[in-house]
């Protein structure tokens, strides 16, 4: 997949992850894209490890499965980001 696809998928996954998670996460659209792209890569890695047994971040296969794994990865990244921000604010 191309980097443009990762950016678009990351934006969608990051926005959906922010809607799914309760509470207010900081960051604007740039933070959403960055965290979403990181989440898409993490989701692709986790999905490939689980479904194909290989260590790769490429989002192969069905785009819907790629979106679901990207959303799961984005939720994980947002939870980690929120924990780091909460710890640094305290």
N, C-alpha and C. Protein backbone atom coordinates (compact mmCIF):
# COMPACT_ATOMS: atom_id res chain seq x y z
N UNK A 1 0.84 -1.17 0.00
CA UNK A 1 0.00 0.00 0.00
C UNK A 1 0.89 1.25 0.00
N UNK A 2 0.40 2.29 -0.55
CA UNK A 2 1.18 3.50 -0.65
C UNK A 2 1.06 4.33 0.63
N UNK A 3 1.96 5.30 0.78
CA UNK A 3 1.94 6.17 1.95
C UNK A 3 0.67 7.02 1.96
N UNK A 4 0.15 7.38 0.79
CA UNK A 4 -1.10 8.13 0.72
C UNK A 4 -2.26 7.31 1.30
N UNK A 5 -2.27 6.01 1.01
CA UNK A 5 -3.29 5.14 1.57
C UNK A 5 -3.17 5.08 3.09
N UNK A 6 -1.93 4.99 3.61
CA UNK A 6 -1.72 4.98 5.05
C UNK A 6 -2.22 6.28 5.69
N UNK A 7 -1.99 7.41 5.04
CA UNK A 7 -2.45 8.69 5.58
C UNK A 7 -3.97 8.76 5.60
N UNK A 8 -4.61 8.35 4.51
CA UNK A 8 -6.06 8.37 4.46
C UNK A 8 -6.65 7.37 5.46
N UNK A 9 -6.11 6.16 5.47
CA UNK A 9 -6.57 5.14 6.41
C UNK A 9 -6.30 5.59 7.85
N UNK A 10 -5.15 6.21 8.09
CA UNK A 10 -4.82 6.71 9.42
C UNK A 10 -5.76 7.81 9.87
N UNK A 11 -6.12 8.70 8.97
CA UNK A 11 -7.07 9.76 9.31
C UNK A 11 -8.42 9.18 9.68
N UNK A 12 -8.90 8.25 8.89
CA UNK A 12 -10.20 7.62 9.18
C UNK A 12 -10.12 6.82 10.48
N UNK A 13 -9.08 6.01 10.62
CA UNK A 13 -8.95 5.17 11.82
C UNK A 13 -8.76 6.03 13.06
N UNK A 14 -7.96 7.09 12.98
CA UNK A 14 -7.75 7.97 14.12
C UNK A 14 -9.02 8.68 14.53
N UNK A 15 -9.78 9.15 13.56
CA UNK A 15 -11.05 9.83 13.87
C UNK A 15 -12.05 8.86 14.48
N UNK A 16 -12.15 7.66 13.94
CA UNK A 16 -13.07 6.67 14.51
C UNK A 16 -12.62 6.23 15.90
N UNK A 17 -11.32 6.11 16.11
CA UNK A 17 -10.82 5.73 17.43
C UNK A 17 -11.13 6.80 18.46
N UNK A 18 -11.02 8.08 18.06
CA UNK A 18 -11.38 9.17 18.98
C UNK A 18 -12.86 9.17 19.29
N UNK A 19 -13.69 8.78 18.33
CA UNK A 19 -15.13 8.69 18.58
C UNK A 19 -15.47 7.52 19.49
N UNK A 20 -14.73 6.43 19.36
CA UNK A 20 -15.00 5.22 20.15
C UNK A 20 -14.56 5.40 21.59
N UNK A 21 -13.39 6.00 21.80
CA UNK A 21 -12.87 6.15 23.16
C UNK A 21 -13.63 7.23 23.92
N UNK A 22 -13.99 6.95 25.16
CA UNK A 22 -14.66 7.98 25.96
C UNK A 22 -13.66 9.02 26.44
N UNK A 23 -14.16 10.20 26.79
CA UNK A 23 -13.29 11.24 27.31
C UNK A 23 -12.75 12.12 26.21
N UNK A 24 -11.96 13.10 26.62
CA UNK A 24 -11.41 14.06 25.68
C UNK A 24 -9.92 13.79 25.49
N UNK A 25 -9.55 13.43 24.30
CA UNK A 25 -8.14 13.29 23.96
C UNK A 25 -7.69 14.59 23.34
N UNK A 26 -6.51 15.01 23.72
CA UNK A 26 -5.98 16.24 23.16
C UNK A 26 -5.48 16.05 21.74
N UNK A 27 -5.16 17.15 21.11
CA UNK A 27 -4.60 17.08 19.78
C UNK A 27 -5.62 17.44 18.72
N UNK A 28 -5.15 18.06 17.68
CA UNK A 28 -6.00 18.45 16.57
C UNK A 28 -5.95 17.45 15.45
N UNK A 29 -6.20 17.94 14.24
CA UNK A 29 -6.27 17.06 13.08
C UNK A 29 -4.90 16.46 12.74
N UNK A 30 -3.83 17.22 12.95
CA UNK A 30 -2.48 16.69 12.67
C UNK A 30 -2.16 15.56 13.64
N UNK A 31 -2.46 15.75 14.93
CA UNK A 31 -2.23 14.69 15.91
C UNK A 31 -3.08 13.46 15.58
N UNK A 32 -4.31 13.69 15.12
CA UNK A 32 -5.18 12.58 14.74
C UNK A 32 -4.58 11.80 13.58
N UNK A 33 -4.05 12.50 12.59
CA UNK A 33 -3.45 11.83 11.44
C UNK A 33 -2.21 11.05 11.87
N UNK A 34 -1.34 11.69 12.65
CA UNK A 34 -0.10 11.04 13.06
C UNK A 34 -0.40 9.80 13.91
N UNK A 35 -1.26 9.97 14.93
CA UNK A 35 -1.60 8.83 15.77
C UNK A 35 -2.36 7.77 14.99
N UNK A 36 -3.19 8.19 14.05
CA UNK A 36 -3.91 7.23 13.21
C UNK A 36 -2.99 6.45 12.30
N UNK A 37 -2.00 7.10 11.71
CA UNK A 37 -1.04 6.40 10.85
C UNK A 37 -0.21 5.42 11.67
N UNK A 38 0.24 5.87 12.85
CA UNK A 38 0.97 4.95 13.74
C UNK A 38 0.08 3.78 14.12
N UNK A 39 -1.19 4.08 14.43
CA UNK A 39 -2.14 3.02 14.75
C UNK A 39 -2.39 2.09 13.58
N UNK A 40 -2.47 2.64 12.37
CA UNK A 40 -2.66 1.80 11.18
C UNK A 40 -1.48 0.86 10.99
N UNK A 41 -0.27 1.38 11.21
CA UNK A 41 0.91 0.52 11.09
C UNK A 41 0.92 -0.55 12.18
N UNK A 42 0.59 -0.15 13.42
CA UNK A 42 0.52 -1.11 14.52
C UNK A 42 -0.57 -2.14 14.27
N UNK A 43 -1.73 -1.69 13.80
CA UNK A 43 -2.81 -2.61 13.49
C UNK A 43 -2.45 -3.57 12.36
N UNK A 44 -1.75 -3.06 11.35
CA UNK A 44 -1.28 -3.92 10.27
C UNK A 44 -0.30 -4.97 10.77
N UNK A 45 0.59 -4.56 11.68
CA UNK A 45 1.56 -5.50 12.26
C UNK A 45 0.85 -6.57 13.07
N UNK A 46 -0.08 -6.15 13.93
CA UNK A 46 -0.81 -7.11 14.76
C UNK A 46 -1.66 -8.04 13.88
N UNK A 47 -2.35 -7.45 12.89
CA UNK A 47 -3.18 -8.26 12.00
C UNK A 47 -2.37 -9.28 11.22
N UNK A 48 -1.21 -8.87 10.72
CA UNK A 48 -0.37 -9.81 9.97
C UNK A 48 0.21 -10.89 10.87
N UNK A 49 0.55 -10.53 12.12
CA UNK A 49 1.06 -11.54 13.04
C UNK A 49 -0.02 -12.56 13.39
N UNK A 50 -1.25 -12.10 13.59
CA UNK A 50 -2.33 -13.00 13.98
C UNK A 50 -2.83 -13.83 12.79
N UNK A 51 -3.12 -13.17 11.67
CA UNK A 51 -3.79 -13.85 10.56
C UNK A 51 -2.84 -14.53 9.58
N UNK A 52 -1.64 -13.98 9.39
CA UNK A 52 -0.75 -14.54 8.40
C UNK A 52 0.54 -15.10 8.99
N UNK A 53 0.79 -14.83 10.26
CA UNK A 53 1.97 -15.36 10.92
C UNK A 53 3.28 -14.76 10.44
N UNK A 54 3.24 -13.55 9.89
CA UNK A 54 4.47 -12.91 9.43
C UNK A 54 4.61 -11.54 10.09
N UNK A 55 5.85 -11.10 10.23
CA UNK A 55 6.18 -9.83 10.87
C UNK A 55 6.32 -8.78 9.78
N UNK A 56 5.20 -8.10 9.47
CA UNK A 56 5.18 -7.12 8.41
C UNK A 56 4.13 -6.07 8.74
N UNK A 57 4.39 -4.81 8.40
CA UNK A 57 3.41 -3.75 8.66
C UNK A 57 2.54 -3.46 7.45
N UNK A 58 2.77 -4.14 6.35
CA UNK A 58 1.96 -3.88 5.16
C UNK A 58 0.54 -4.38 5.40
N UNK A 59 -0.43 -3.57 5.00
CA UNK A 59 -1.83 -3.90 5.19
C UNK A 59 -2.31 -4.66 3.95
N UNK A 60 -2.11 -5.95 3.95
CA UNK A 60 -2.49 -6.79 2.82
C UNK A 60 -3.92 -7.27 2.98
N UNK A 61 -4.54 -7.56 1.87
CA UNK A 61 -5.86 -8.19 1.92
C UNK A 61 -6.99 -7.20 1.80
N UNK A 62 -8.10 -7.57 2.37
CA UNK A 62 -9.35 -6.83 2.30
C UNK A 62 -9.21 -5.46 2.96
N UNK A 63 -9.72 -4.41 2.33
CA UNK A 63 -9.61 -3.06 2.89
C UNK A 63 -10.42 -2.92 4.16
N UNK A 64 -11.53 -3.66 4.30
CA UNK A 64 -12.34 -3.57 5.50
C UNK A 64 -11.60 -4.16 6.70
N UNK A 65 -10.93 -5.30 6.49
CA UNK A 65 -10.12 -5.89 7.56
C UNK A 65 -8.97 -4.96 7.91
N UNK A 66 -8.37 -4.32 6.90
CA UNK A 66 -7.31 -3.35 7.15
C UNK A 66 -7.82 -2.18 7.98
N UNK A 67 -9.03 -1.71 7.69
CA UNK A 67 -9.61 -0.61 8.45
C UNK A 67 -9.87 -1.03 9.90
N UNK A 68 -10.40 -2.22 10.10
CA UNK A 68 -10.68 -2.70 11.46
C UNK A 68 -9.38 -2.82 12.25
N UNK A 69 -8.35 -3.42 11.66
CA UNK A 69 -7.08 -3.55 12.37
C UNK A 69 -6.44 -2.18 12.61
N UNK A 70 -6.63 -1.25 11.69
CA UNK A 70 -6.10 0.10 11.87
C UNK A 70 -6.82 0.82 13.01
N UNK A 71 -8.12 0.62 13.12
CA UNK A 71 -8.88 1.23 14.22
C UNK A 71 -8.44 0.65 15.55
N UNK A 72 -8.27 -0.66 15.61
CA UNK A 72 -7.80 -1.29 16.85
C UNK A 72 -6.41 -0.77 17.21
N UNK A 73 -5.53 -0.67 16.22
CA UNK A 73 -4.20 -0.13 16.47
C UNK A 73 -4.26 1.33 16.92
N UNK A 74 -5.15 2.11 16.33
CA UNK A 74 -5.30 3.52 16.71
C UNK A 74 -5.83 3.67 18.13
N UNK A 75 -6.75 2.78 18.52
CA UNK A 75 -7.24 2.81 19.90
C UNK A 75 -6.11 2.51 20.87
N UNK A 76 -5.29 1.53 20.55
CA UNK A 76 -4.15 1.20 21.40
C UNK A 76 -3.21 2.40 21.51
N UNK A 77 -2.90 3.01 20.37
CA UNK A 77 -2.00 4.17 20.37
C UNK A 77 -2.61 5.34 21.14
N UNK A 78 -3.91 5.59 20.98
CA UNK A 78 -4.56 6.68 21.72
C UNK A 78 -4.57 6.42 23.22
N UNK A 79 -4.76 5.17 23.63
CA UNK A 79 -4.71 4.84 25.05
C UNK A 79 -3.31 5.09 25.62
N UNK A 80 -2.29 4.70 24.88
CA UNK A 80 -0.92 4.94 25.32
C UNK A 80 -0.63 6.43 25.35
N UNK A 81 -1.05 7.15 24.33
CA UNK A 81 -0.86 8.61 24.26
C UNK A 81 -1.56 9.32 25.42
N UNK A 82 -2.79 8.89 25.72
CA UNK A 82 -3.53 9.47 26.83
C UNK A 82 -2.87 9.21 28.17
N UNK A 83 -2.34 8.00 28.35
CA UNK A 83 -1.65 7.67 29.60
C UNK A 83 -0.38 8.48 29.76
N UNK A 84 0.34 8.71 28.69
CA UNK A 84 1.57 9.51 28.74
C UNK A 84 1.24 10.97 29.04
N UNK A 85 0.21 11.50 28.40
CA UNK A 85 -0.18 12.90 28.65
C UNK A 85 -0.68 13.09 30.06
N UNK A 86 -1.45 12.10 30.57
CA UNK A 86 -1.96 12.21 31.93
C UNK A 86 -0.81 12.16 32.94
N UNK A 87 0.15 11.30 32.70
CA UNK A 87 1.29 11.17 33.61
C UNK A 87 2.15 12.44 33.59
N UNK A 88 2.35 13.04 32.42
CA UNK A 88 3.18 14.23 32.33
C UNK A 88 2.47 15.45 32.89
N UNK A 89 1.13 15.46 32.89
CA UNK A 89 0.37 16.60 33.45
C UNK A 89 0.31 16.54 34.95
N UNK A 90 0.48 15.38 35.54
CA UNK A 90 0.38 15.24 36.99
C UNK A 90 1.65 15.59 37.71
